[in-house]
Amino acid sequence: MADQANPKGPKAAPKPGANPGASKPDWATLAGITLALGGILGGLILEKGSIQDVAQATAAIIVFGGTIGAVLVTNPLPVFLNAVKGFQNVLFEHATPFGATIETLLQMATKARKNGIVSLESEADQLADPFLRKALNLAVDGTDLNELRKMMDIDIEVTEQAGEAEAKVWEAAGGYAPTIGIIGAVMGLIQVMKHLDDIKEVGHGIAVAFVATVYGVGSANILFLPAANKMRSRLHRARVMKEMILEGVAGIVEGLNPTLIRMKLEAFRQEPAPPAKKKPAEEPKGAEAPAKTSSPQPAATGD
């Protein structure tokens, strides 16, 4: 019996549980970086410049090395390492669709209403979303609803504070990079001053010196600051999702009608509802029309 029960659980749980781990490229981020770099380098080429004019390894070492050093001084090492790992959330999206989560909660609400909330114990352990799994397990264990809300609210706040700390790492990098770029430019000008006797060398040295400023300002406004804002956007979406899950679990504990739970959860949806819901209402009308036209034909042949 246990072997037969296990296959049934994953069939109901993978739809809500597999999505949190699934990732897809964030095309908005990739398109934004490509468009920004393409516009800057394209303008340089249109002005009869060359990409080699801004391809300076020394300037890159000064700007990025100095920026990383300043960020390490500002933030603890574990926070910095988590921020580096979390940068993948800027390039890839791991979000679960609101619609799939709503349907999962409604299925569980329907089952709990028929068989009792204890019947959700096996499904709760198979959920991949840790927040939903924790909240549902607490509900199945008979935790008081007020206490359940307090515990899950603490979970939301702690997770959001950790994510905000990671976003601040990239925000700090966006603040330091332009300044480090200016330092690199000044250092380049110092070297130029040593060769004032050669006008050609002076002109070339000044051009190279200002590349550090381009690296600093460009990386801050194209990469670092936008990454911090994208991470905050992800945090906001995740918070809304968790608040929706908490309300859904609370509705299950209270034994509310699944229809009422749906109306409550739909208020949290941050994505357009699928238009497919309207089609089933229109299809029966189209199905009745052929039935009416087909019935007179047999009568005509009968006469």
C-alpha atoms as a PDB file:
ATOM      1  CA  MET A   1       0.000   0.000   0.000  1.00  0.00           C
ATOM      2  CA  ALA A   2       2.846   2.369   0.789  1.00  0.00           C
ATOM      3  CA  ASP A   3       4.373   1.750  -2.626  1.00  0.00           C
ATOM      4  CA  GLN A   4       1.070   2.564  -4.262  1.00  0.00           C
ATOM      5  CA  ALA A   5       0.568   5.745  -2.248  1.00  0.00           C
ATOM      6  CA  ASN A   6       3.912   7.254  -3.202  1.00  0.00           C
ATOM      7  CA  PRO A   7       3.240   7.480  -6.946  1.00  0.00           C
ATOM      8  CA  LYS A   8      -0.068   9.197  -6.307  1.00  0.00           C
ATOM      9  CA  GLY A   9       1.458  11.972  -4.239  1.00  0.00           C
ATOM     10  CA  PRO A  10       3.999  13.212  -6.805  1.00  0.00           C
ATOM     11  CA  LYS A  11       1.296  13.403  -9.461  1.00  0.00           C
ATOM     12  CA  ALA A  12      -0.608  16.021  -7.498  1.00  0.00           C
ATOM     13  CA  ALA A  13       2.374  17.839  -6.012  1.00  0.00           C
ATOM     14  CA  PRO A  14       4.829  18.272  -8.915  1.00  0.00           C
ATOM     15  CA  LYS A  15       2.795  21.000 -10.597  1.00  0.00           C
ATOM     16  CA  PRO A  16       3.141  23.407  -7.663  1.00  0.00           C
ATOM     17  CA  GLY A  17       6.354  21.871  -6.395  1.00  0.00           C
ATOM     18  CA  ALA A  18       8.415  21.685  -9.574  1.00  0.00           C
ATOM     19  CA  ASN A  19       7.933  25.308 -10.586  1.00  0.00           C
ATOM     20  CA  PRO A  20       9.958  26.922  -7.766  1.00  0.00           C
ATOM     21  CA  GLY A  21      13.058  25.000  -8.839  1.00  0.00           C
ATOM     22  CA  ALA A  22      12.530  25.574 -12.538  1.00  0.00           C
ATOM     23  CA  SER A  23      14.333  28.540 -14.024  1.00  0.00           C
ATOM     24  CA  LYS A  24      14.077  30.439 -17.261  1.00  0.00           C
ATOM     25  CA  PRO A  25      16.133  33.319 -18.639  1.00  0.00           C
ATOM     26  CA  ASP A  26      14.969  36.782 -17.703  1.00  0.00           C
ATOM     27  CA  TRP A  27      14.704  38.190 -21.196  1.00  0.00           C
ATOM     28  CA  ALA A  28      14.088  41.706 -19.903  1.00  0.00           C
ATOM     29  CA  THR A  29      17.466  41.727 -18.133  1.00  0.00           C
ATOM     30  CA  LEU A  30      19.337  40.169 -21.040  1.00  0.00           C
ATOM     31  CA  ALA A  31      17.686  42.470 -23.563  1.00  0.00           C
ATOM     32  CA  GLY A  32      18.354  45.523 -21.388  1.00  0.00           C
ATOM     33  CA  ILE A  33      22.070  44.784 -20.999  1.00  0.00           C
ATOM     34  CA  THR A  34      22.404  44.000 -24.710  1.00  0.00           C
ATOM     35  CA  LEU A  35      20.562  47.167 -25.720  1.00  0.00           C
ATOM     36  CA  ALA A  36      22.587  49.360 -23.359  1.00  0.00           C
ATOM     37  CA  LEU A  37      25.963  47.984 -24.441  1.00  0.00           C
ATOM     38  CA  GLY A  38      24.894  47.957 -28.081  1.00  0.00           C
ATOM     39  CA  GLY A  39      23.799  51.570 -27.915  1.00  0.00           C
ATOM     40  CA  ILE A  40      26.997  52.763 -26.254  1.00  0.00           C
ATOM     41  CA  LEU A  41      29.387  50.799 -28.459  1.00  0.00           C
ATOM     42  CA  GLY A  42      27.288  51.529 -31.531  1.00  0.00           C
ATOM     43  CA  GLY A  43      27.501  55.248 -30.854  1.00  0.00           C
ATOM     44  CA  LEU A  44      31.248  54.922 -30.418  1.00  0.00           C
ATOM     45  CA  ILE A  45      31.597  53.217 -33.791  1.00  0.00           C
ATOM     46  CA  LEU A  46      29.353  55.801 -35.483  1.00  0.00           C
ATOM     47  CA  GLU A  47      31.716  58.466 -34.220  1.00  0.00           C
ATOM     48  CA  LYS A  48      34.490  56.652 -36.092  1.00  0.00           C
ATOM     49  CA  GLY A  49      35.833  55.181 -32.906  1.00  0.00           C
ATOM     50  CA  SER A  50      36.932  51.621 -32.211  1.00  0.00           C
ATOM     51  CA  ILE A  51      36.042  49.103 -29.541  1.00  0.00           C
ATOM     52  CA  GLN A  52      39.750  48.841 -28.817  1.00  0.00           C
ATOM     53  CA  ASP A  53      39.606  52.440 -27.598  1.00  0.00           C
ATOM     54  CA  VAL A  54      37.670  51.325 -24.514  1.00  0.00           C
ATOM     55  CA  ALA A  55      39.162  47.833 -24.177  1.00  0.00           C
ATOM     56  CA  GLN A  56      41.736  48.610 -21.493  1.00  0.00           C
ATOM     57  CA  ALA A  57      42.679  45.822 -19.078  1.00  0.00           C
ATOM     58  CA  THR A  58      44.387  48.247 -16.698  1.00  0.00           C
ATOM     59  CA  ALA A  59      41.259  50.357 -16.308  1.00  0.00           C
ATOM     60  CA  ALA A  60      39.166  47.245 -15.719  1.00  0.00           C
ATOM     61  CA  ILE A  61      41.518  46.021 -13.003  1.00  0.00           C
ATOM     62  CA  ILE A  62      41.477  49.385 -11.236  1.00  0.00           C
ATOM     63  CA  VAL A  63      37.697  49.843 -11.371  1.00  0.00           C
ATOM     64  CA  PHE A  64      36.457  46.328 -10.638  1.00  0.00           C
ATOM     65  CA  GLY A  65      39.239  45.487  -8.221  1.00  0.00           C
ATOM     66  CA  GLY A  66      38.740  48.694  -6.282  1.00  0.00           C
ATOM     67  CA  THR A  67      34.962  48.323  -6.293  1.00  0.00           C
ATOM     68  CA  ILE A  68      35.074  44.754  -4.981  1.00  0.00           C
ATOM     69  CA  GLY A  69      37.513  45.798  -2.272  1.00  0.00           C
ATOM     70  CA  ALA A  70      35.282  48.656  -1.145  1.00  0.00           C
ATOM     71  CA  VAL A  71      32.222  46.379  -1.116  1.00  0.00           C
ATOM     72  CA  LEU A  72      34.077  43.825   1.015  1.00  0.00           C
ATOM     73  CA  VAL A  73      34.932  46.538   3.530  1.00  0.00           C
ATOM     74  CA  THR A  74      31.279  47.596   3.648  1.00  0.00           C
ATOM     75  CA  ASN A  75      29.623  44.173   3.950  1.00  0.00           C
ATOM     76  CA  PRO A  76      30.396  40.978   5.863  1.00  0.00           C
ATOM     77  CA  LEU A  77      31.931  38.208   3.770  1.00  0.00           C
ATOM     78  CA  PRO A  78      28.923  35.813   4.038  1.00  0.00           C
ATOM     79  CA  VAL A  79      26.581  38.547   2.804  1.00  0.00           C
ATOM     80  CA  PHE A  80      28.927  39.354  -0.083  1.00  0.00           C
ATOM     81  CA  LEU A  81      29.157  35.693  -1.116  1.00  0.00           C
ATOM     82  CA  ASN A  82      25.376  35.295  -0.947  1.00  0.00           C
ATOM     83  CA  ALA A  83      24.971  38.397  -3.089  1.00  0.00           C
ATOM     84  CA  VAL A  84      27.326  36.972  -5.715  1.00  0.00           C
ATOM     85  CA  LYS A  85      25.388  33.693  -5.735  1.00  0.00           C
ATOM     86  CA  GLY A  86      22.109  35.595  -5.833  1.00  0.00           C
ATOM     87  CA  PHE A  87      23.133  37.460  -8.970  1.00  0.00           C
ATOM     88  CA  GLN A  88      21.786  34.520 -10.968  1.00  0.00           C
ATOM     89  CA  ASN A  89      18.309  35.652  -9.896  1.00  0.00           C
ATOM     90  CA  VAL A  90      18.908  38.765 -11.972  1.00  0.00           C
ATOM     91  CA  LEU A  91      19.680  36.783 -15.120  1.00  0.00           C
ATOM     92  CA  PHE A  92      17.243  33.920 -14.486  1.00  0.00           C
ATOM     93  CA  GLU A  93      13.723  33.807 -13.119  1.00  0.00           C
ATOM     94  CA  HIS A  94      12.712  31.108 -10.631  1.00  0.00           C
ATOM     95  CA  ALA A  95       9.238  32.380  -9.839  1.00  0.00           C
ATOM     96  CA  THR A  96       6.168  30.172  -9.533  1.00  0.00           C
ATOM     97  CA  PRO A  97       3.116  31.363 -11.485  1.00  0.00           C
ATOM     98  CA  PHE A  98       0.418  32.736  -9.232  1.00  0.00           C
ATOM     99  CA  GLY A  99      -2.235  30.801 -11.092  1.00  0.00           C
ATOM    100  CA  ALA A 100      -0.585  27.428 -10.443  1.00  0.00           C
ATOM    101  CA  THR A 101      -0.227  28.176  -6.740  1.00  0.00           C
ATOM    102  CA  ILE A 102      -3.858  29.295  -6.470  1.00  0.00           C
ATOM    103  CA  GLU A 103      -5.077  26.098  -8.111  1.00  0.00           C
ATOM    104  CA  THR A 104      -2.936  24.010  -5.760  1.00  0.00           C
ATOM    105  CA  LEU A 105      -4.350  25.746  -2.703  1.00  0.00           C
ATOM    106  CA  LEU A 106      -7.901  25.326  -4.001  1.00  0.00           C
ATOM    107  CA  GLN A 107      -7.374  21.605  -4.581  1.00  0.00           C
ATOM    108  CA  MET A 108      -6.129  21.217  -1.039  1.00  0.00           C
ATOM    109  CA  ALA A 109      -9.003  23.316   0.314  1.00  0.00           C
ATOM    110  CA  THR A 110     -11.504  21.084  -1.484  1.00  0.00           C
ATOM    111  CA  LYS A 111      -9.871  17.920  -0.162  1.00  0.00           C
ATOM    112  CA  ALA A 112      -9.622  19.287   3.391  1.00  0.00           C
ATOM    113  CA  ARG A 113     -13.284  20.332   3.295  1.00  0.00           C
ATOM    114  CA  LYS A 114     -14.339  16.795   2.334  1.00  0.00           C
ATOM    115  CA  ASN A 115     -11.907  14.619   4.298  1.00  0.00           C
ATOM    116  CA  GLY A 116     -10.550  16.940   6.964  1.00  0.00           C
ATOM    117  CA  ILE A 117      -7.299  18.877   7.087  1.00  0.00           C
ATOM    118  CA  VAL A 118      -5.404  15.827   8.373  1.00  0.00           C
ATOM    119  CA  SER A 119      -5.872  14.246   4.929  1.00  0.00           C
ATOM    120  CA  LEU A 120      -3.359  16.779   3.537  1.00  0.00           C
ATOM    121  CA  GLU A 121      -0.465  15.411   5.586  1.00  0.00           C
ATOM    122  CA  SER A 122       0.934  13.203   2.803  1.00  0.00           C
ATOM    123  CA  GLU A 123       0.639  15.938   0.171  1.00  0.00           C
ATOM    124  CA  ALA A 124       2.236  18.550   2.426  1.00  0.00           C
ATOM    125  CA  ASP A 125       5.459  16.557   2.702  1.00  0.00           C
ATOM    126  CA  GLN A 126       5.732  16.283  -1.093  1.00  0.00           C
ATOM    127  CA  LEU A 127       5.542  20.011  -1.820  1.00  0.00           C
ATOM    128  CA  ALA A 128       8.757  21.550  -3.141  1.00  0.00           C
ATOM    129  CA  ASP A 129       7.905  25.102  -2.049  1.00  0.00           C
ATOM    130  CA  PRO A 130       9.411  25.282   1.465  1.00  0.00           C
ATOM    131  CA  PHE A 131       7.115  28.083   2.611  1.00  0.00           C
ATOM    132  CA  LEU A 132       3.942  26.293   1.526  1.00  0.00           C
ATOM    133  CA  ARG A 133       5.205  23.008   2.945  1.00  0.00           C
ATOM    134  CA  LYS A 134       5.989  24.574   6.318  1.00  0.00           C
ATOM    135  CA  ALA A 135       2.684  26.438   6.574  1.00  0.00           C
ATOM    136  CA  LEU A 136       0.633  23.393   5.589  1.00  0.00           C
ATOM    137  CA  ASN A 137       2.481  21.105   7.990  1.00  0.00           C
ATOM    138  CA  LEU A 138       1.810  23.530  10.821  1.00  0.00           C
ATOM    139  CA  ALA A 139      -1.863  23.589   9.853  1.00  0.00           C
ATOM    140  CA  VAL A 140      -2.053  19.798   9.709  1.00  0.00           C
ATOM    141  CA  ASP A 141      -0.400  19.566  13.134  1.00  0.00           C
ATOM    142  CA  GLY A 142      -3.245  21.622  14.581  1.00  0.00           C
ATOM    143  CA  THR A 143      -1.285  24.816  15.244  1.00  0.00           C
ATOM    144  CA  ASP A 144      -3.438  27.736  16.360  1.00  0.00           C
ATOM    145  CA  LEU A 145      -4.167  30.006  13.407  1.00  0.00           C
ATOM    146  CA  ASN A 146      -2.859  33.156  15.134  1.00  0.00           C
ATOM    147  CA  GLU A 147       0.335  31.372  16.115  1.00  0.00           C
ATOM    148  CA  LEU A 148       0.678  30.001  12.584  1.00  0.00           C
ATOM    149  CA  ARG A 149       0.395  33.514  11.153  1.00  0.00           C
ATOM    150  CA  LYS A 150       3.038  34.841  13.563  1.00  0.00           C
ATOM    151  CA  MET A 151       5.499  32.088  12.694  1.00  0.00           C
ATOM    152  CA  MET A 152       5.060  32.488   8.958  1.00  0.00           C
ATOM    153  CA  ASP A 153       5.225  36.294   9.185  1.00  0.00           C
ATOM    154  CA  ILE A 154       8.576  35.921  10.920  1.00  0.00           C
ATOM    155  CA  ASP A 155       9.710  33.652   8.079  1.00  0.00           C
ATOM    156  CA  ILE A 156       8.667  36.294   5.542  1.00  0.00           C
ATOM    157  CA  GLU A 157      10.458  39.116   7.371  1.00  0.00           C
ATOM    158  CA  VAL A 158      13.710  37.189   7.872  1.00  0.00           C
ATOM    159  CA  THR A 159      13.828  36.106   4.223  1.00  0.00           C
ATOM    160  CA  GLU A 160      13.134  39.632   3.025  1.00  0.00           C
ATOM    161  CA  GLN A 161      15.826  41.117   5.274  1.00  0.00           C
ATOM    162  CA  ALA A 162      18.387  38.633   3.918  1.00  0.00           C
ATOM    163  CA  GLY A 163      17.402  39.479   0.344  1.00  0.00           C
ATOM    164  CA  GLU A 164      17.549  43.201   1.046  1.00  0.00           C
ATOM    165  CA  ALA A 165      21.077  42.805   2.444  1.00  0.00           C
ATOM    166  CA  GLU A 166      22.141  41.113  -0.808  1.00  0.00           C
ATOM    167  CA  ALA A 167      20.555  43.876  -2.886  1.00  0.00           C
ATOM    168  CA  LYS A 168      22.443  46.488  -0.858  1.00  0.00           C
ATOM    169  CA  VAL A 169      25.727  44.823  -1.825  1.00  0.00           C
ATOM    170  CA  TRP A 170      25.098  45.586  -5.505  1.00  0.00           C
ATOM    171  CA  GLU A 171      23.730  49.005  -4.644  1.00  0.00           C
ATOM    172  CA  ALA A 172      26.968  49.752  -2.778  1.00  0.00           C
ATOM    173  CA  ALA A 173      28.971  48.565  -5.786  1.00  0.00           C
ATOM    174  CA  GLY A 174      26.982  50.981  -7.949  1.00  0.00           C
ATOM    175  CA  GLY A 175      27.929  53.807  -5.602  1.00  0.00           C
ATOM    176  CA  TYR A 176      31.630  53.004  -5.398  1.00  0.00           C
ATOM    177  CA  ALA A 177      32.332  52.157  -9.073  1.00  0.00           C
ATOM    178  CA  PRO A 178      32.050  55.721 -10.488  1.00  0.00           C
ATOM    179  CA  THR A 179      34.324  57.080  -7.762  1.00  0.00           C
ATOM    180  CA  ILE A 180      36.892  54.341  -8.326  1.00  0.00           C
ATOM    181  CA  GLY A 181      36.679  55.172 -12.026  1.00  0.00           C
ATOM    182  CA  ILE A 182      37.598  58.768 -11.288  1.00  0.00           C
ATOM    183  CA  ILE A 183      40.534  57.560  -9.218  1.00  0.00           C
ATOM    184  CA  GLY A 184      41.676  55.463 -12.163  1.00  0.00           C
ATOM    185  CA  ALA A 185      41.394  58.451 -14.467  1.00  0.00           C
ATOM    186  CA  VAL A 186      43.464  60.605 -12.115  1.00  0.00           C
ATOM    187  CA  MET A 187      46.106  57.889 -11.867  1.00  0.00           C
ATOM    188  CA  GLY A 188      46.260  57.776 -15.651  1.00  0.00           C
ATOM    189  CA  LEU A 189      46.652  61.533 -15.850  1.00  0.00           C
ATOM    190  CA  ILE A 190      49.521  61.359 -13.371  1.00  0.00           C
ATOM    191  CA  GLN A 191      51.328  59.043 -15.732  1.00  0.00           C
ATOM    192  CA  VAL A 192      50.564  61.385 -18.623  1.00  0.00           C
ATOM    193  CA  MET A 193      52.184  64.284 -16.825  1.00  0.00           C
ATOM    194  CA  LYS A 194      55.450  62.398 -16.879  1.00  0.00           C
ATOM    195  CA  HIS A 195      55.559  62.580 -20.677  1.00  0.00           C
ATOM    196  CA  LEU A 196      54.611  66.174 -21.433  1.00  0.00           C
ATOM    197  CA  ASP A 197      57.532  66.423 -23.818  1.00  0.00           C
ATOM    198  CA  ASP A 198      55.762  64.105 -26.281  1.00  0.00           C
ATOM    199  CA  ILE A 199      52.437  65.609 -27.416  1.00  0.00           C
ATOM    200  CA  LYS A 200      51.271  62.418 -29.167  1.00  0.00           C
ATOM    201  CA  GLU A 201      51.940  60.383 -26.053  1.00  0.00           C
ATOM    202  CA  VAL A 202      50.060  62.919 -23.964  1.00  0.00           C
ATOM    203  CA  GLY A 203      46.967  62.718 -26.159  1.00  0.00           C
ATOM    204  CA  HIS A 204      46.982  58.927 -26.142  1.00  0.00           C
ATOM    205  CA  GLY A 205      47.530  58.819 -22.386  1.00  0.00           C
ATOM    206  CA  ILE A 206      44.609  61.157 -21.660  1.00  0.00           C
ATOM    207  CA  ALA A 207      42.299  59.027 -23.820  1.00  0.00           C
ATOM    208  CA  VAL A 208      43.329  55.874 -22.000  1.00  0.00           C
ATOM    209  CA  ALA A 209      43.004  57.539 -18.608  1.00  0.00           C
ATOM    210  CA  PHE A 210      39.330  58.410 -19.087  1.00  0.00           C
ATOM    211  CA  VAL A 211      38.462  54.806 -19.980  1.00  0.00           C
ATOM    212  CA  ALA A 212      38.474  54.051 -16.245  1.00  0.00           C
ATOM    213  CA  THR A 213      35.722  56.633 -15.772  1.00  0.00           C
ATOM    214  CA  VAL A 214      33.710  54.997 -18.543  1.00  0.00           C
ATOM    215  CA  TYR A 215      34.078  51.610 -16.845  1.00  0.00           C
ATOM    216  CA  GLY A 216      33.060  52.977 -13.470  1.00  0.00           C
ATOM    217  CA  VAL A 217      30.019  54.971 -14.578  1.00  0.00           C
ATOM    218  CA  GLY A 218      28.961  52.363 -17.134  1.00  0.00           C
ATOM    219  CA  SER A 219      29.143  49.363 -14.803  1.00  0.00           C
ATOM    220  CA  ALA A 220      27.282  51.239 -12.070  1.00  0.00           C
ATOM    221  CA  ASN A 221      24.380  52.338 -14.260  1.00  0.00           C
ATOM    222  CA  ILE A 222      24.129  49.334 -16.561  1.00  0.00           C
ATOM    223  CA  LEU A 223      24.887  46.469 -14.173  1.00  0.00           C
ATOM    224  CA  PHE A 224      25.219  47.171 -10.445  1.00  0.00           C
ATOM    225  CA  LEU A 225      22.332  49.545  -9.687  1.00  0.00           C
ATOM    226  CA  PRO A 226      19.863  47.823 -12.056  1.00  0.00           C
ATOM    227  CA  ALA A 227      20.790  44.455 -10.506  1.00  0.00           C
ATOM    228  CA  ALA A 228      19.982  45.769  -7.024  1.00  0.00           C
ATOM    229  CA  ASN A 229      16.602  47.069  -8.195  1.00  0.00           C
ATOM    230  CA  LYS A 230      15.809  43.795  -9.996  1.00  0.00           C
ATOM    231  CA  MET A 231      16.597  41.842  -6.826  1.00  0.00           C
ATOM    232  CA  ARG A 232      14.247  44.088  -4.862  1.00  0.00           C
ATOM    233  CA  SER A 233      11.571  43.491  -7.469  1.00  0.00           C
ATOM    234  CA  ARG A 234      12.052  39.751  -7.020  1.00  0.00           C
ATOM    235  CA  LEU A 235      11.782  40.183  -3.240  1.00  0.00           C
ATOM    236  CA  HIS A 236       8.518  42.090  -3.581  1.00  0.00           C
ATOM    237  CA  ARG A 237       7.022  39.404  -5.810  1.00  0.00           C
ATOM    238  CA  ALA A 238       8.152  36.645  -3.463  1.00  0.00           C
ATOM    239  CA  ARG A 239       6.621  38.464  -0.473  1.00  0.00           C
ATOM    240  CA  VAL A 240       3.278  38.837  -2.245  1.00  0.00           C
ATOM    241  CA  MET A 241       3.378  35.149  -3.184  1.00  0.00           C
ATOM    242  CA  LYS A 242       4.053  34.112   0.417  1.00  0.00           C
ATOM    243  CA  GLU A 243       1.323  36.367   1.756  1.00  0.00           C
ATOM    244  CA  MET A 244      -1.065  34.787  -0.730  1.00  0.00           C
ATOM    245  CA  ILE A 245      -0.025  31.288   0.356  1.00  0.00           C
ATOM    246  CA  LEU A 246      -0.500  32.244   3.998  1.00  0.00           C
ATOM    247  CA  GLU A 247      -4.009  33.514   3.310  1.00  0.00           C
ATOM    248  CA  GLY A 248      -4.805  30.335   1.388  1.00  0.00           C
ATOM    249  CA  VAL A 249      -3.614  28.094   4.215  1.00  0.00           C
ATOM    250  CA  ALA A 250      -5.556  30.217   6.699  1.00  0.00           C
ATOM    251  CA  GLY A 251      -8.675  29.731   4.601  1.00  0.00           C
ATOM    252  CA  ILE A 252      -8.087  25.963   4.625  1.00  0.00           C
ATOM    253  CA  VAL A 253      -7.725  25.974   8.418  1.00  0.00           C
ATOM    254  CA  GLU A 254     -10.911  27.997   8.802  1.00  0.00           C
ATOM    255  CA  GLY A 255     -12.759  25.611   6.483  1.00  0.00           C
ATOM    256  CA  LEU A 256     -13.841  28.315   4.049  1.00  0.00           C
ATOM    257  CA  ASN A 257     -15.573  27.490   0.817  1.00  0.00           C
ATOM    258  CA  PRO A 258     -13.018  27.088  -2.016  1.00  0.00           C
ATOM    259  CA  THR A 259     -14.938  29.688  -4.020  1.00  0.00           C
ATOM    260  CA  LEU A 260     -14.407  32.260  -1.265  1.00  0.00           C
ATOM    261  CA  ILE A 261     -10.758  31.291  -0.998  1.00  0.00           C
ATOM    262  CA  ARG A 262     -10.345  31.814  -4.750  1.00  0.00           C
ATOM    263  CA  MET A 263     -11.877  35.282  -4.563  1.00  0.00           C
ATOM    264  CA  LYS A 264      -9.474  36.180  -1.767  1.00  0.00           C
ATOM    265  CA  LEU A 265      -6.382  34.796  -3.494  1.00  0.00           C
ATOM    266  CA  GLU A 266      -7.144  36.367  -6.866  1.00  0.00           C
ATOM    267  CA  ALA A 267      -6.541  39.773  -5.257  1.00  0.00           C
ATOM    268  CA  PHE A 268      -2.856  38.824  -4.867  1.00  0.00           C
ATOM    269  CA  ARG A 269      -2.372  37.837  -8.512  1.00  0.00           C
ATOM    270  CA  GLN A 270       0.376  39.873 -10.200  1.00  0.00           C
ATOM    271  CA  GLU A 271      -0.010  38.336 -13.617  1.00  0.00           C
ATOM    272  CA  PRO A 272      -2.895  38.482 -16.105  1.00  0.00           C
ATOM    273  CA  ALA A 273      -5.440  35.723 -15.680  1.00  0.00           C
ATOM    274  CA  PRO A 274      -5.462  33.235 -18.560  1.00  0.00           C
ATOM    275  CA  PRO A 275      -8.171  34.067 -21.116  1.00  0.00           C
ATOM    276  CA  ALA A 276      -8.904  30.368 -21.546  1.00  0.00           C
ATOM    277  CA  LYS A 277     -11.499  30.526 -18.768  1.00  0.00           C
ATOM    278  CA  LYS A 278     -13.903  32.440 -21.019  1.00  0.00           C
ATOM    279  CA  LYS A 279     -13.789  29.886 -23.841  1.00  0.00           C
ATOM    280  CA  PRO A 280     -15.639  27.057 -22.036  1.00  0.00           C
ATOM    281  CA  ALA A 281     -18.592  29.409 -21.511  1.00  0.00           C
ATOM    282  CA  GLU A 282     -18.738  30.180 -25.239  1.00  0.00           C
ATOM    283  CA  GLU A 283     -18.233  26.645 -26.494  1.00  0.00           C
ATOM    284  CA  PRO A 284     -21.554  25.250 -25.156  1.00  0.00           C
ATOM    285  CA  LYS A 285     -23.405  27.982 -27.070  1.00  0.00           C
ATOM    286  CA  GLY A 286     -21.681  26.949 -30.237  1.00  0.00           C
ATOM    287  CA  ALA A 287     -22.413  23.307 -29.470  1.00  0.00           C
ATOM    288  CA  GLU A 288     -26.165  23.934 -29.073  1.00  0.00           C
ATOM    289  CA  ALA A 289     -26.441  25.634 -32.460  1.00  0.00           C
ATOM    290  CA  PRO A 290     -25.455  22.562 -34.505  1.00  0.00           C
ATOM    291  CA  ALA A 291     -27.833  20.426 -32.438  1.00  0.00           C
ATOM    292  CA  LYS A 292     -30.767  22.677 -33.367  1.00  0.00           C
ATOM    293  CA  THR A 293     -29.918  22.769 -37.071  1.00  0.00           C
ATOM    294  CA  SER A 294     -29.337  19.017 -37.227  1.00  0.00           C
ATOM    295  CA  SER A 295     -32.717  18.066 -35.684  1.00  0.00           C
ATOM    296  CA  PRO A 296     -34.914  19.478 -38.505  1.00  0.00           C
ATOM    297  CA  GLN A 297     -32.990  17.536 -41.151  1.00  0.00           C
ATOM    298  CA  PRO A 298     -34.140  14.063 -40.035  1.00  0.00           C
ATOM    299  CA  ALA A 299     -37.726  15.368 -39.973  1.00  0.00           C
ATOM    300  CA  ALA A 300     -37.421  16.543 -43.562  1.00  0.00           C
ATOM    301  CA  THR A 301     -36.089  13.189 -44.724  1.00  0.00           C
ATOM    302  CA  GLY A 302     -38.827  11.387 -42.717  1.00  0.00           C
ATOM    303  CA  ASP A 303     -41.546  13.272 -44.645  1.00  0.00           C
END
